[in-house]
Amino acid sequence: MITSISINQIKYVLALDKTGSFSKAAESCFVTQSTLSTMIKKLEQQFELQLFDRKSKPIRLTQEGQILINQLRVIHREFEILQELVEKSNKEFHGSFKIGIIPTLAPFLLPLFLNNLINAYQGVNFIVHEITTNEIVRRLKERDLDIGILSLPIIDKELFQKTLFNEEFLVYDAGGHIQEQKKYVINDIDIARLWLLEESHCLSNQIEKICHLKKMKKTSVNLEFKSGSILSLLELVNMNRGITLLPKLATLNKSLVNEGFVYGIKNPIPAREIGIVTHPNFAKKSLLQVLEKEILIAVKPILKQNKKLNIIKAYS
């Protein structure tokens, strides 16, 4: 007969199921291994069954454990929701808030709002991970992240998506070969001087043909550039007096971008849709609303939400 179980016991079980190791689970829960092991053992005694096969490497759930684990996850999520409601009632925010953000956005968006956010909510421990879209999706589904900030849409019906803003792309020509004020037509870009992020980051639709042309063009340069970092890309473009395509927020980096070499693109203007992604059972909705507000306040003076923007799949 079950008398009482603690939320920490459930937390320890979920951590052990995720890591398959008592030491790693204890580390993730910030407790000693003996504490975690003892608490799980007590829970098993209350259930009168064994949740884990301790002889397997890594440690795995028993058949009985597999039956119960989903319900334990539900209980843990419901507790998070309860905790969120209490915090909202008290008009206070506490605990940790884990954010995943894609590398082509992090260096340019975070400086615009992060300091204001952490100063306004000092009771919250903000943990920011600069990671790829696929990693954000995986960790959201494993409940290892609270939210993701990335390019939309993502093809995953299990997660909730919400658009924040649209960000247009601009041409950066470090060779300065075109006249002032002139706008580029995508087809007129000098492919011989074009640098882009690795193929998996190529823009689709209009920009896809540029990726294809770049791949097919003959060149005497014995260098193949494969990177997901806009900062690395800019260094090479500047050094080689090349051309690339940059999301508008990236053009604000005056240490790497010469604003005299930044040019618009004629309609239809390519752009990417930036938004947030959360798990459907995400509990910290009040804090999420605060984050959304801070981001929108930060980007509103910079990004004109032009209705003529042609939203296409962009860098991830």
C-alpha atoms as a PDB file:
ATOM      1  CA  MET A   1       0.000   0.000   0.000  1.00  0.00           C
ATOM      2  CA  ILE A   2       1.309   3.463  -0.949  1.00  0.00           C
ATOM      3  CA  THR A   3       1.376   5.842   2.013  1.00  0.00           C
ATOM      4  CA  SER A   4       3.232   8.921   0.790  1.00  0.00           C
ATOM      5  CA  ILE A   5       5.847   9.722  -1.831  1.00  0.00           C
ATOM      6  CA  SER A   6       7.801  12.933  -2.362  1.00  0.00           C
ATOM      7  CA  ILE A   7       8.251  14.893  -5.538  1.00  0.00           C
ATOM      8  CA  ASN A   8      12.003  14.482  -5.058  1.00  0.00           C
ATOM      9  CA  GLN A   9      11.653  10.705  -5.182  1.00  0.00           C
ATOM     10  CA  ILE A  10       9.871  11.013  -8.514  1.00  0.00           C
ATOM     11  CA  LYS A  11      12.522  13.462  -9.714  1.00  0.00           C
ATOM     12  CA  TYR A  12      15.273  10.982  -8.805  1.00  0.00           C
ATOM     13  CA  VAL A  13      13.521   8.128 -10.625  1.00  0.00           C
ATOM     14  CA  LEU A  14      13.142  10.248 -13.780  1.00  0.00           C
ATOM     15  CA  ALA A  15      16.793  11.298 -13.607  1.00  0.00           C
ATOM     16  CA  LEU A  16      17.989   7.696 -13.256  1.00  0.00           C
ATOM     17  CA  ASP A  17      15.764   6.615 -16.148  1.00  0.00           C
ATOM     18  CA  LYS A  18      17.243   9.394 -18.308  1.00  0.00           C
ATOM     19  CA  THR A  19      20.919   8.891 -17.458  1.00  0.00           C
ATOM     20  CA  GLY A  20      21.083   5.143 -16.747  1.00  0.00           C
ATOM     21  CA  SER A  21      23.647   5.879 -14.038  1.00  0.00           C
ATOM     22  CA  PHE A  22      23.292   6.547 -10.311  1.00  0.00           C
ATOM     23  CA  SER A  23      26.290   8.886 -10.303  1.00  0.00           C
ATOM     24  CA  LYS A  24      25.088  10.949 -13.300  1.00  0.00           C
ATOM     25  CA  ALA A  25      21.519  11.066 -11.969  1.00  0.00           C
ATOM     26  CA  ALA A  26      22.741  12.267  -8.565  1.00  0.00           C
ATOM     27  CA  GLU A  27      24.913  14.919 -10.210  1.00  0.00           C
ATOM     28  CA  SER A  28      21.993  16.215 -12.288  1.00  0.00           C
ATOM     29  CA  CYS A  29      19.820  16.416  -9.147  1.00  0.00           C
ATOM     30  CA  PHE A  30      22.558  18.042  -7.034  1.00  0.00           C
ATOM     31  CA  VAL A  31      22.465  15.322  -4.354  1.00  0.00           C
ATOM     32  CA  THR A  32      24.864  12.607  -3.281  1.00  0.00           C
ATOM     33  CA  GLN A  33      24.675   9.217  -4.942  1.00  0.00           C
ATOM     34  CA  SER A  34      23.806   7.548  -1.646  1.00  0.00           C
ATOM     35  CA  THR A  35      20.892   9.953  -1.063  1.00  0.00           C
ATOM     36  CA  LEU A  36      19.460   9.330  -4.514  1.00  0.00           C
ATOM     37  CA  SER A  37      19.907   5.558  -4.229  1.00  0.00           C
ATOM     38  CA  THR A  38      18.306   5.436  -0.783  1.00  0.00           C
ATOM     39  CA  MET A  39      15.298   7.533  -1.804  1.00  0.00           C
ATOM     40  CA  ILE A  40      14.639   5.410  -4.908  1.00  0.00           C
ATOM     41  CA  LYS A  41      14.950   2.248  -2.816  1.00  0.00           C
ATOM     42  CA  LYS A  42      12.394   3.586  -0.316  1.00  0.00           C
ATOM     43  CA  LEU A  43      10.015   4.361  -3.176  1.00  0.00           C
ATOM     44  CA  GLU A  44      10.390   0.838  -4.505  1.00  0.00           C
ATOM     45  CA  GLN A  45       9.615  -0.519  -1.048  1.00  0.00           C
ATOM     46  CA  GLN A  46       6.467   1.609  -0.886  1.00  0.00           C
ATOM     47  CA  PHE A  47       5.411   0.350  -4.319  1.00  0.00           C
ATOM     48  CA  GLU A  48       6.386  -3.174  -3.324  1.00  0.00           C
ATOM     49  CA  LEU A  49       8.092  -3.666  -6.680  1.00  0.00           C
ATOM     50  CA  GLN A  50      11.454  -3.014  -8.308  1.00  0.00           C
ATOM     51  CA  LEU A  51      11.583  -0.090 -10.729  1.00  0.00           C
ATOM     52  CA  PHE A  52      15.135  -0.600 -12.043  1.00  0.00           C
ATOM     53  CA  ASP A  53      17.303  -3.504 -13.110  1.00  0.00           C
ATOM     54  CA  ARG A  54      20.517  -2.549 -11.334  1.00  0.00           C
ATOM     55  CA  LYS A  55      22.542  -5.313 -12.984  1.00  0.00           C
ATOM     56  CA  SER A  56      22.129  -3.909 -16.497  1.00  0.00           C
ATOM     57  CA  LYS A  57      24.641  -1.440 -17.952  1.00  0.00           C
ATOM     58  CA  PRO A  58      23.355   1.208 -18.353  1.00  0.00           C
ATOM     59  CA  ILE A  59      20.716   0.803 -15.650  1.00  0.00           C
ATOM     60  CA  ARG A  60      17.280   0.192 -17.196  1.00  0.00           C
ATOM     61  CA  LEU A  61      13.686   0.141 -16.065  1.00  0.00           C
ATOM     62  CA  THR A  62      12.158  -3.198 -15.191  1.00  0.00           C
ATOM     63  CA  GLN A  63       8.925  -4.231 -16.885  1.00  0.00           C
ATOM     64  CA  GLU A  64       7.014  -2.890 -13.868  1.00  0.00           C
ATOM     65  CA  GLY A  65       9.007   0.342 -14.020  1.00  0.00           C
ATOM     66  CA  GLN A  66       8.141   0.840 -17.682  1.00  0.00           C
ATOM     67  CA  ILE A  67       4.456   0.609 -16.800  1.00  0.00           C
ATOM     68  CA  LEU A  68       4.743   3.304 -14.117  1.00  0.00           C
ATOM     69  CA  ILE A  69       7.283   5.731 -15.627  1.00  0.00           C
ATOM     70  CA  ASN A  70       4.848   7.665 -17.835  1.00  0.00           C
ATOM     71  CA  GLN A  71       2.511   8.279 -14.918  1.00  0.00           C
ATOM     72  CA  LEU A  72       5.446   9.471 -12.805  1.00  0.00           C
ATOM     73  CA  ARG A  73       6.295  11.937 -15.596  1.00  0.00           C
ATOM     74  CA  VAL A  74       2.689  13.189 -15.570  1.00  0.00           C
ATOM     75  CA  ILE A  75       2.781  13.675 -11.789  1.00  0.00           C
ATOM     76  CA  HIS A  76       6.065  15.572 -12.068  1.00  0.00           C
ATOM     77  CA  ARG A  77       4.668  17.855 -14.811  1.00  0.00           C
ATOM     78  CA  GLU A  78       1.502  18.500 -12.800  1.00  0.00           C
ATOM     79  CA  PHE A  79       3.633  19.521  -9.835  1.00  0.00           C
ATOM     80  CA  GLU A  80       5.532  21.971 -12.065  1.00  0.00           C
ATOM     81  CA  ILE A  81       2.210  23.466 -13.154  1.00  0.00           C
ATOM     82  CA  LEU A  82       1.118  23.773  -9.524  1.00  0.00           C
ATOM     83  CA  GLN A  83       4.404  25.448  -8.667  1.00  0.00           C
ATOM     84  CA  GLU A  84       3.918  27.891 -11.552  1.00  0.00           C
ATOM     85  CA  LEU A  85       0.423  28.792 -10.330  1.00  0.00           C
ATOM     86  CA  VAL A  86       1.727  29.422  -6.820  1.00  0.00           C
ATOM     87  CA  GLU A  87       4.508  31.650  -8.146  1.00  0.00           C
ATOM     88  CA  LYS A  88       2.022  33.525 -10.308  1.00  0.00           C
ATOM     89  CA  SER A  89      -0.257  34.066  -7.314  1.00  0.00           C
ATOM     90  CA  ASN A  90       2.678  35.405  -5.315  1.00  0.00           C
ATOM     91  CA  LYS A  91       3.771  37.519  -8.292  1.00  0.00           C
ATOM     92  CA  GLU A  92       7.268  36.084  -7.864  1.00  0.00           C
ATOM     93  CA  PHE A  93       9.541  34.000 -10.050  1.00  0.00           C
ATOM     94  CA  HIS A  94      11.993  31.449  -8.720  1.00  0.00           C
ATOM     95  CA  GLY A  95      13.979  28.428  -9.827  1.00  0.00           C
ATOM     96  CA  SER A  96      15.738  27.807 -13.138  1.00  0.00           C
ATOM     97  CA  PHE A  97      14.703  28.643 -16.696  1.00  0.00           C
ATOM     98  CA  LYS A  98      16.562  26.744 -19.415  1.00  0.00           C
ATOM     99  CA  ILE A  99      16.675  28.319 -22.874  1.00  0.00           C
ATOM    100  CA  GLY A 100      18.013  26.788 -26.092  1.00  0.00           C
ATOM    101  CA  ILE A 101      18.855  29.161 -28.945  1.00  0.00           C
ATOM    102  CA  ILE A 102      20.316  28.495 -32.399  1.00  0.00           C
ATOM    103  CA  PRO A 103      23.921  29.653 -33.122  1.00  0.00           C
ATOM    104  CA  THR A 104      22.938  31.961 -36.002  1.00  0.00           C
ATOM    105  CA  LEU A 105      20.709  33.932 -33.637  1.00  0.00           C
ATOM    106  CA  ALA A 106      22.348  33.744 -30.207  1.00  0.00           C
ATOM    107  CA  PRO A 107      25.259  36.225 -30.668  1.00  0.00           C
ATOM    108  CA  PHE A 108      22.973  38.893 -32.079  1.00  0.00           C
ATOM    109  CA  LEU A 109      19.646  38.549 -30.242  1.00  0.00           C
ATOM    110  CA  LEU A 110      20.798  37.728 -26.694  1.00  0.00           C
ATOM    111  CA  PRO A 111      22.744  41.000 -26.145  1.00  0.00           C
ATOM    112  CA  LEU A 112      19.580  42.947 -26.968  1.00  0.00           C
ATOM    113  CA  PHE A 113      17.474  41.668 -24.063  1.00  0.00           C
ATOM    114  CA  LEU A 114      19.294  39.242 -21.756  1.00  0.00           C
ATOM    115  CA  ASN A 115      20.763  41.756 -19.293  1.00  0.00           C
ATOM    116  CA  ASN A 116      17.399  43.458 -18.775  1.00  0.00           C
ATOM    117  CA  LEU A 117      15.794  40.075 -18.169  1.00  0.00           C
ATOM    118  CA  ILE A 118      18.277  38.775 -15.596  1.00  0.00           C
ATOM    119  CA  ASN A 119      18.372  42.098 -13.744  1.00  0.00           C
ATOM    120  CA  ALA A 120      14.578  42.273 -13.525  1.00  0.00           C
ATOM    121  CA  TYR A 121      14.171  38.664 -12.321  1.00  0.00           C
ATOM    122  CA  GLN A 122      17.092  38.002 -10.017  1.00  0.00           C
ATOM    123  CA  GLY A 123      15.292  35.127  -8.306  1.00  0.00           C
ATOM    124  CA  VAL A 124      15.474  33.103 -11.527  1.00  0.00           C
ATOM    125  CA  ASN A 125      18.566  31.219 -12.655  1.00  0.00           C
ATOM    126  CA  PHE A 126      18.623  31.626 -16.445  1.00  0.00           C
ATOM    127  CA  ILE A 127      20.562  28.856 -18.213  1.00  0.00           C
ATOM    128  CA  VAL A 128      21.198  29.507 -21.922  1.00  0.00           C
ATOM    129  CA  HIS A 129      22.411  26.826 -24.347  1.00  0.00           C
ATOM    130  CA  GLU A 130      23.620  27.773 -27.835  1.00  0.00           C
ATOM    131  CA  ILE A 131      22.709  24.610 -29.771  1.00  0.00           C
ATOM    132  CA  THR A 132      21.305  23.430 -33.103  1.00  0.00           C
ATOM    133  CA  THR A 133      17.629  23.132 -33.989  1.00  0.00           C
ATOM    134  CA  ASN A 134      17.706  19.331 -33.825  1.00  0.00           C
ATOM    135  CA  GLU A 135      19.304  19.427 -30.382  1.00  0.00           C
ATOM    136  CA  ILE A 136      16.734  21.951 -29.137  1.00  0.00           C
ATOM    137  CA  VAL A 137      13.879  19.738 -30.330  1.00  0.00           C
ATOM    138  CA  ARG A 138      15.380  16.634 -28.746  1.00  0.00           C
ATOM    139  CA  ARG A 139      15.993  18.307 -25.393  1.00  0.00           C
ATOM    140  CA  LEU A 140      12.559  19.940 -25.312  1.00  0.00           C
ATOM    141  CA  LYS A 141      10.937  16.543 -25.784  1.00  0.00           C
ATOM    142  CA  GLU A 142      13.126  15.096 -23.033  1.00  0.00           C
ATOM    143  CA  ARG A 143      12.120  18.050 -20.791  1.00  0.00           C
ATOM    144  CA  ASP A 144      15.762  19.077 -20.482  1.00  0.00           C
ATOM    145  CA  LEU A 145      14.934  22.559 -21.842  1.00  0.00           C
ATOM    146  CA  ASP A 146      12.090  24.921 -21.020  1.00  0.00           C
ATOM    147  CA  ILE A 147      11.974  26.754 -24.348  1.00  0.00           C
ATOM    148  CA  GLY A 148      13.731  26.989 -27.684  1.00  0.00           C
ATOM    149  CA  ILE A 149      14.308  30.153 -29.734  1.00  0.00           C
ATOM    150  CA  LEU A 150      14.863  29.253 -33.391  1.00  0.00           C
ATOM    151  CA  SER A 151      13.759  29.506 -37.021  1.00  0.00           C
ATOM    152  CA  LEU A 152      10.228  28.304 -37.715  1.00  0.00           C
ATOM    153  CA  PRO A 153       8.503  26.240 -38.721  1.00  0.00           C
ATOM    154  CA  ILE A 154       9.759  22.964 -37.296  1.00  0.00           C
ATOM    155  CA  ILE A 155       8.112  19.758 -38.445  1.00  0.00           C
ATOM    156  CA  ASP A 156       7.158  18.244 -35.121  1.00  0.00           C
ATOM    157  CA  LYS A 157       3.527  18.080 -34.067  1.00  0.00           C
ATOM    158  CA  GLU A 158       4.458  17.147 -30.498  1.00  0.00           C
ATOM    159  CA  LEU A 159       5.773  20.638 -29.746  1.00  0.00           C
ATOM    160  CA  PHE A 160       4.046  24.031 -29.514  1.00  0.00           C
ATOM    161  CA  GLN A 161       5.323  26.774 -31.853  1.00  0.00           C
ATOM    162  CA  LYS A 162       4.729  30.520 -31.740  1.00  0.00           C
ATOM    163  CA  THR A 163       6.080  33.217 -34.059  1.00  0.00           C
ATOM    164  CA  LEU A 164       7.827  36.212 -32.462  1.00  0.00           C
ATOM    165  CA  PHE A 165       9.090  38.217 -35.437  1.00  0.00           C
ATOM    166  CA  ASN A 166      10.274  38.056 -39.049  1.00  0.00           C
ATOM    167  CA  GLU A 167      13.891  38.872 -39.851  1.00  0.00           C
ATOM    168  CA  GLU A 168      14.856  39.876 -43.371  1.00  0.00           C
ATOM    169  CA  PHE A 169      18.121  38.908 -45.050  1.00  0.00           C
ATOM    170  CA  LEU A 170      20.607  41.392 -46.462  1.00  0.00           C
ATOM    171  CA  VAL A 171      23.565  41.066 -48.815  1.00  0.00           C
ATOM    172  CA  TYR A 172      26.992  41.690 -47.302  1.00  0.00           C
ATOM    173  CA  ASP A 173      29.522  42.494 -50.019  1.00  0.00           C
ATOM    174  CA  ALA A 174      32.937  42.943 -48.402  1.00  0.00           C
ATOM    175  CA  GLY A 175      34.389  43.815 -51.813  1.00  0.00           C
ATOM    176  CA  GLY A 176      32.233  46.929 -52.048  1.00  0.00           C
ATOM    177  CA  HIS A 177      31.697  46.387 -55.773  1.00  0.00           C
ATOM    178  CA  ILE A 178      28.234  47.894 -56.180  1.00  0.00           C
ATOM    179  CA  GLN A 179      27.102  51.477 -56.055  1.00  0.00           C
ATOM    180  CA  GLU A 180      25.727  53.058 -52.910  1.00  0.00           C
ATOM    181  CA  GLN A 181      21.975  52.592 -52.348  1.00  0.00           C
ATOM    182  CA  LYS A 182      21.658  49.928 -55.072  1.00  0.00           C
ATOM    183  CA  LYS A 183      19.703  46.828 -54.089  1.00  0.00           C
ATOM    184  CA  TYR A 184      20.691  43.345 -55.082  1.00  0.00           C
ATOM    185  CA  VAL A 185      18.693  40.922 -57.179  1.00  0.00           C
ATOM    186  CA  ILE A 186      19.423  37.392 -55.949  1.00  0.00           C
ATOM    187  CA  ASN A 187      20.313  36.151 -59.457  1.00  0.00           C
ATOM    188  CA  ASP A 188      22.877  38.957 -59.881  1.00  0.00           C
ATOM    189  CA  ILE A 189      25.065  37.892 -56.959  1.00  0.00           C
ATOM    190  CA  ASP A 190      28.649  37.138 -57.995  1.00  0.00           C
ATOM    191  CA  ILE A 191      28.806  33.383 -57.328  1.00  0.00           C
ATOM    192  CA  ALA A 192      32.599  33.394 -57.670  1.00  0.00           C
ATOM    193  CA  ARG A 193      32.853  35.486 -54.496  1.00  0.00           C
ATOM    194  CA  LEU A 194      29.977  33.889 -52.608  1.00  0.00           C
ATOM    195  CA  TRP A 195      30.448  32.376 -49.151  1.00  0.00           C
ATOM    196  CA  LEU A 196      27.659  30.556 -47.301  1.00  0.00           C
ATOM    197  CA  LEU A 197      27.273  28.415 -44.257  1.00  0.00           C
ATOM    198  CA  GLU A 198      27.479  24.662 -44.728  1.00  0.00           C
ATOM    199  CA  GLU A 199      25.010  23.080 -47.137  1.00  0.00           C
ATOM    200  CA  SER A 200      22.555  22.033 -44.421  1.00  0.00           C
ATOM    201  CA  HIS A 201      22.104  25.707 -43.588  1.00  0.00           C
ATOM    202  CA  CYS A 202      21.341  26.898 -47.136  1.00  0.00           C
ATOM    203  CA  LEU A 203      18.155  28.870 -47.619  1.00  0.00           C
ATOM    204  CA  SER A 204      15.451  27.154 -49.598  1.00  0.00           C
ATOM    205  CA  ASN A 205      13.346  28.455 -52.516  1.00  0.00           C
ATOM    206  CA  GLN A 206      15.184  31.454 -54.094  1.00  0.00           C
ATOM    207  CA  ILE A 207      18.366  30.985 -52.100  1.00  0.00           C
ATOM    208  CA  GLU A 208      18.514  27.249 -52.773  1.00  0.00           C
ATOM    209  CA  LYS A 209      19.713  27.907 -56.340  1.00  0.00           C
ATOM    210  CA  ILE A 210      22.617  29.956 -54.921  1.00  0.00           C
ATOM    211  CA  CYS A 211      23.666  27.031 -52.734  1.00  0.00           C
ATOM    212  CA  HIS A 212      23.460  24.787 -55.788  1.00  0.00           C
ATOM    213  CA  LEU A 213      25.468  27.170 -57.985  1.00  0.00           C
ATOM    214  CA  LYS A 214      28.120  27.556 -55.327  1.00  0.00           C
ATOM    215  CA  LYS A 215      28.442  23.798 -55.063  1.00  0.00           C
ATOM    216  CA  MET A 216      28.781  23.386 -58.818  1.00  0.00           C
ATOM    217  CA  LYS A 217      31.070  26.324 -59.612  1.00  0.00           C
ATOM    218  CA  LYS A 218      34.696  25.687 -60.495  1.00  0.00           C
ATOM    219  CA  THR A 219      37.258  27.379 -58.309  1.00  0.00           C
ATOM    220  CA  SER A 220      41.007  27.267 -57.859  1.00  0.00           C
ATOM    221  CA  VAL A 221      40.736  27.940 -54.123  1.00  0.00           C
ATOM    222  CA  ASN A 222      41.803  24.801 -52.238  1.00  0.00           C
ATOM    223  CA  LEU A 223      39.477  25.483 -49.298  1.00  0.00           C
ATOM    224  CA  GLU A 224      36.134  23.903 -48.459  1.00  0.00           C
ATOM    225  CA  PHE A 225      34.334  25.889 -45.765  1.00  0.00           C
ATOM    226  CA  LYS A 226      31.891  23.970 -43.556  1.00  0.00           C
ATOM    227  CA  SER A 227      30.658  25.798 -40.489  1.00  0.00           C
ATOM    228  CA  GLY A 228      27.419  26.755 -38.773  1.00  0.00           C
ATOM    229  CA  SER A 229      28.921  29.924 -37.277  1.00  0.00           C
ATOM    230  CA  ILE A 230      28.066  33.305 -38.768  1.00  0.00           C
ATOM    231  CA  LEU A 231      30.983  34.841 -36.850  1.00  0.00           C
ATOM    232  CA  SER A 232      33.468  32.505 -38.567  1.00  0.00           C
ATOM    233  CA  LEU A 233      31.771  33.140 -41.906  1.00  0.00           C
ATOM    234  CA  LEU A 234      32.130  36.911 -41.506  1.00  0.00           C
ATOM    235  CA  GLU A 235      35.828  36.639 -40.705  1.00  0.00           C
ATOM    236  CA  LEU A 236      36.450  34.712 -43.939  1.00  0.00           C
ATOM    237  CA  VAL A 237      34.199  36.954 -46.053  1.00  0.00           C
ATOM    238  CA  ASN A 238      36.029  40.061 -44.843  1.00  0.00           C
ATOM    239  CA  MET A 239      39.427  38.471 -45.381  1.00  0.00           C
ATOM    240  CA  ASN A 240      38.576  37.359 -48.934  1.00  0.00           C
ATOM    241  CA  ARG A 241      36.485  40.407 -49.918  1.00  0.00           C
ATOM    242  CA  GLY A 242      33.620  38.022 -50.539  1.00  0.00           C
ATOM    243  CA  ILE A 243      29.823  38.130 -50.513  1.00  0.00           C
ATOM    244  CA  THR A 244      27.367  36.435 -48.189  1.00  0.00           C
ATOM    245  CA  LEU A 245      23.776  36.663 -46.973  1.00  0.00           C
ATOM    246  CA  LEU A 246      23.173  37.796 -43.399  1.00  0.00           C
ATOM    247  CA  PRO A 247      20.052  37.995 -41.216  1.00  0.00           C
ATOM    248  CA  LYS A 248      19.528  41.629 -40.289  1.00  0.00           C
ATOM    249  CA  LEU A 249      20.392  41.302 -36.586  1.00  0.00           C
ATOM    250  CA  ALA A 250      23.826  39.968 -37.568  1.00  0.00           C
ATOM    251  CA  THR A 251      24.558  43.198 -39.451  1.00  0.00           C
ATOM    252  CA  LEU A 252      24.473  45.093 -36.134  1.00  0.00           C
ATOM    253  CA  ASN A 253      27.845  43.598 -35.152  1.00  0.00           C
ATOM    254  CA  LYS A 254      30.009  46.614 -36.027  1.00  0.00           C
ATOM    255  CA  SER A 255      33.237  44.835 -35.041  1.00  0.00           C
ATOM    256  CA  LEU A 256      32.794  42.369 -37.923  1.00  0.00           C
ATOM    257  CA  VAL A 257      30.375  44.078 -40.305  1.00  0.00           C
ATOM    258  CA  ASN A 258      31.191  47.230 -42.255  1.00  0.00           C
ATOM    259  CA  GLU A 259      27.753  48.849 -42.583  1.00  0.00           C
ATOM    260  CA  GLY A 260      28.857  50.457 -45.855  1.00  0.00           C
ATOM    261  CA  PHE A 261      28.980  46.977 -47.407  1.00  0.00           C
ATOM    262  CA  VAL A 262      25.442  45.994 -46.365  1.00  0.00           C
ATOM    263  CA  TYR A 263      22.808  46.106 -49.115  1.00  0.00           C
ATOM    264  CA  GLY A 264      19.112  45.361 -49.337  1.00  0.00           C
ATOM    265  CA  ILE A 265      17.511  42.797 -51.638  1.00  0.00           C
ATOM    266  CA  LYS A 266      14.793  43.622 -54.141  1.00  0.00           C
ATOM    267  CA  ASN A 267      11.312  42.179 -53.592  1.00  0.00           C
ATOM    268  CA  PRO A 268      10.411  39.536 -52.792  1.00  0.00           C
ATOM    269  CA  ILE A 269      12.684  40.001 -49.798  1.00  0.00           C
ATOM    270  CA  PRO A 270      13.865  36.720 -48.261  1.00  0.00           C
ATOM    271  CA  ALA A 271      13.392  36.455 -44.515  1.00  0.00           C
ATOM    272  CA  ARG A 272      13.286  33.944 -41.720  1.00  0.00           C
ATOM    273  CA  GLU A 273      10.544  33.464 -39.156  1.00  0.00           C
ATOM    274  CA  ILE A 274      11.881  33.511 -35.596  1.00  0.00           C
ATOM    275  CA  GLY A 275       9.818  32.035 -32.804  1.00  0.00           C
ATOM    276  CA  ILE A 276       9.671  30.003 -29.646  1.00  0.00           C
ATOM    277  CA  VAL A 277       9.039  26.309 -29.224  1.00  0.00           C
ATOM    278  CA  THR A 278       7.906  24.601 -26.015  1.00  0.00           C
ATOM    279  CA  HIS A 279       6.653  21.243 -24.843  1.00  0.00           C
ATOM    280  CA  PRO A 280       2.807  21.091 -24.701  1.00  0.00           C
ATOM    281  CA  ASN A 281       3.017  20.510 -20.938  1.00  0.00           C
ATOM    282  CA  PHE A 282       5.377  23.435 -20.359  1.00  0.00           C
ATOM    283  CA  ALA A 283       4.519  24.916 -16.955  1.00  0.00           C
ATOM    284  CA  LYS A 284       6.353  28.257 -16.618  1.00  0.00           C
ATOM    285  CA  LYS A 285       3.964  30.212 -18.814  1.00  0.00           C
ATOM    286  CA  SER A 286       4.195  33.482 -16.851  1.00  0.00           C
ATOM    287  CA  LEU A 287       7.958  33.588 -17.229  1.00  0.00           C
ATOM    288  CA  LEU A 288       7.608  32.745 -20.912  1.00  0.00           C
ATOM    289  CA  GLN A 289       5.315  35.746 -21.386  1.00  0.00           C
ATOM    290  CA  VAL A 290       7.939  37.944 -19.739  1.00  0.00           C
ATOM    291  CA  LEU A 291      10.617  36.577 -22.091  1.00  0.00           C
ATOM    292  CA  GLU A 292       8.434  37.158 -25.159  1.00  0.00           C
ATOM    293  CA  LYS A 293       7.772  40.742 -24.105  1.00  0.00           C
ATOM    294  CA  GLU A 294      11.470  41.512 -23.523  1.00  0.00           C
ATOM    295  CA  ILE A 295      12.448  40.087 -26.926  1.00  0.00           C
ATOM    296  CA  LEU A 296       9.749  41.993 -28.812  1.00  0.00           C
ATOM    297  CA  ILE A 297      10.621  45.270 -27.078  1.00  0.00           C
ATOM    298  CA  ALA A 298      14.273  44.733 -28.041  1.00  0.00           C
ATOM    299  CA  VAL A 299      13.751  43.962 -31.738  1.00  0.00           C
ATOM    300  CA  LYS A 300      10.853  46.306 -32.546  1.00  0.00           C
ATOM    301  CA  PRO A 301      13.056  49.380 -33.244  1.00  0.00           C
ATOM    302  CA  ILE A 302      15.347  47.299 -35.474  1.00  0.00           C
ATOM    303  CA  LEU A 303      13.103  45.033 -37.531  1.00  0.00           C
ATOM    304  CA  LYS A 304      10.357  46.471 -39.703  1.00  0.00           C
ATOM    305  CA  GLN A 305       7.651  43.850 -40.069  1.00  0.00           C
ATOM    306  CA  ASN A 306       7.263  44.329 -43.812  1.00  0.00           C
ATOM    307  CA  LYS A 307       4.232  42.505 -45.235  1.00  0.00           C
ATOM    308  CA  LYS A 308       6.156  41.993 -48.474  1.00  0.00           C
ATOM    309  CA  LEU A 309       8.750  39.796 -46.781  1.00  0.00           C
ATOM    310  CA  ASN A 310       8.937  36.393 -48.398  1.00  0.00           C
ATOM    311  CA  ILE A 311       9.178  33.995 -45.447  1.00  0.00           C
ATOM    312  CA  ILE A 312      11.315  31.012 -46.381  1.00  0.00           C
ATOM    313  CA  LYS A 313      13.182  28.327 -44.485  1.00  0.00           C
ATOM    314  CA  ALA A 314      16.415  29.910 -43.339  1.00  0.00           C
ATOM    315  CA  TYR A 315      19.602  29.269 -41.422  1.00  0.00           C
ATOM    316  CA  SER A 316      19.143  26.941 -38.457  1.00  0.00           C
END
